Amino acid sequence: MNTSKLRKAAIAVYLATDEESVAKDISEMLNGSAYEIDRLRNELSVAERLVEEKTGKVNTASENRMAKIVSYFQNYVATYSDQQNYKTYGDRIFIDDMLYGIGIAINKYQYQNAVGYRLWKKELLKFMNNQTYNFSELTGKL
């Protein structure tokens, strides 16, 4: 995703919308999204460089992909206790939340939000039932 386009869209929305508070909110969300994307990209590239320095080898694309998935999932789990009432959750909610985290770690854009999670659960059922499964369709790009 091109973050400079997000920032330009933020300015355009702000200038084109008559309702100033709405324009400001949308503009701030777009700018915040651009910032977060840039931050995560930087975090991933730093992690990749550290692994390369530590191991003395350059990772393959598959290794880099898996490192990104693990890093994203670890960050997801690390913030779980930030939820206000997480201690009151039952097993089902916890399991759903962890499955959701795995899905968005594998393909954030395809499996995020409620619609994406429903798709992710269908894909998991195919996988768990040992149906013929093409993982390249599942993963896409991070």
Foldseek 3Di string as FASTA:
>chain_A
DDLVVLQVVLVVLCVPDPPNVVSPVSSVVSNVVSVVVVVLVVVLVVVQVVVCVVVVHHDDPVVSLVVQLVVQLVVQVVCQVVDDPSVPDDPVVVVLSSLLSSQCSQPVVQQDDDVSVVVSVVLVVCVVVVHDHDCCVRRPDD
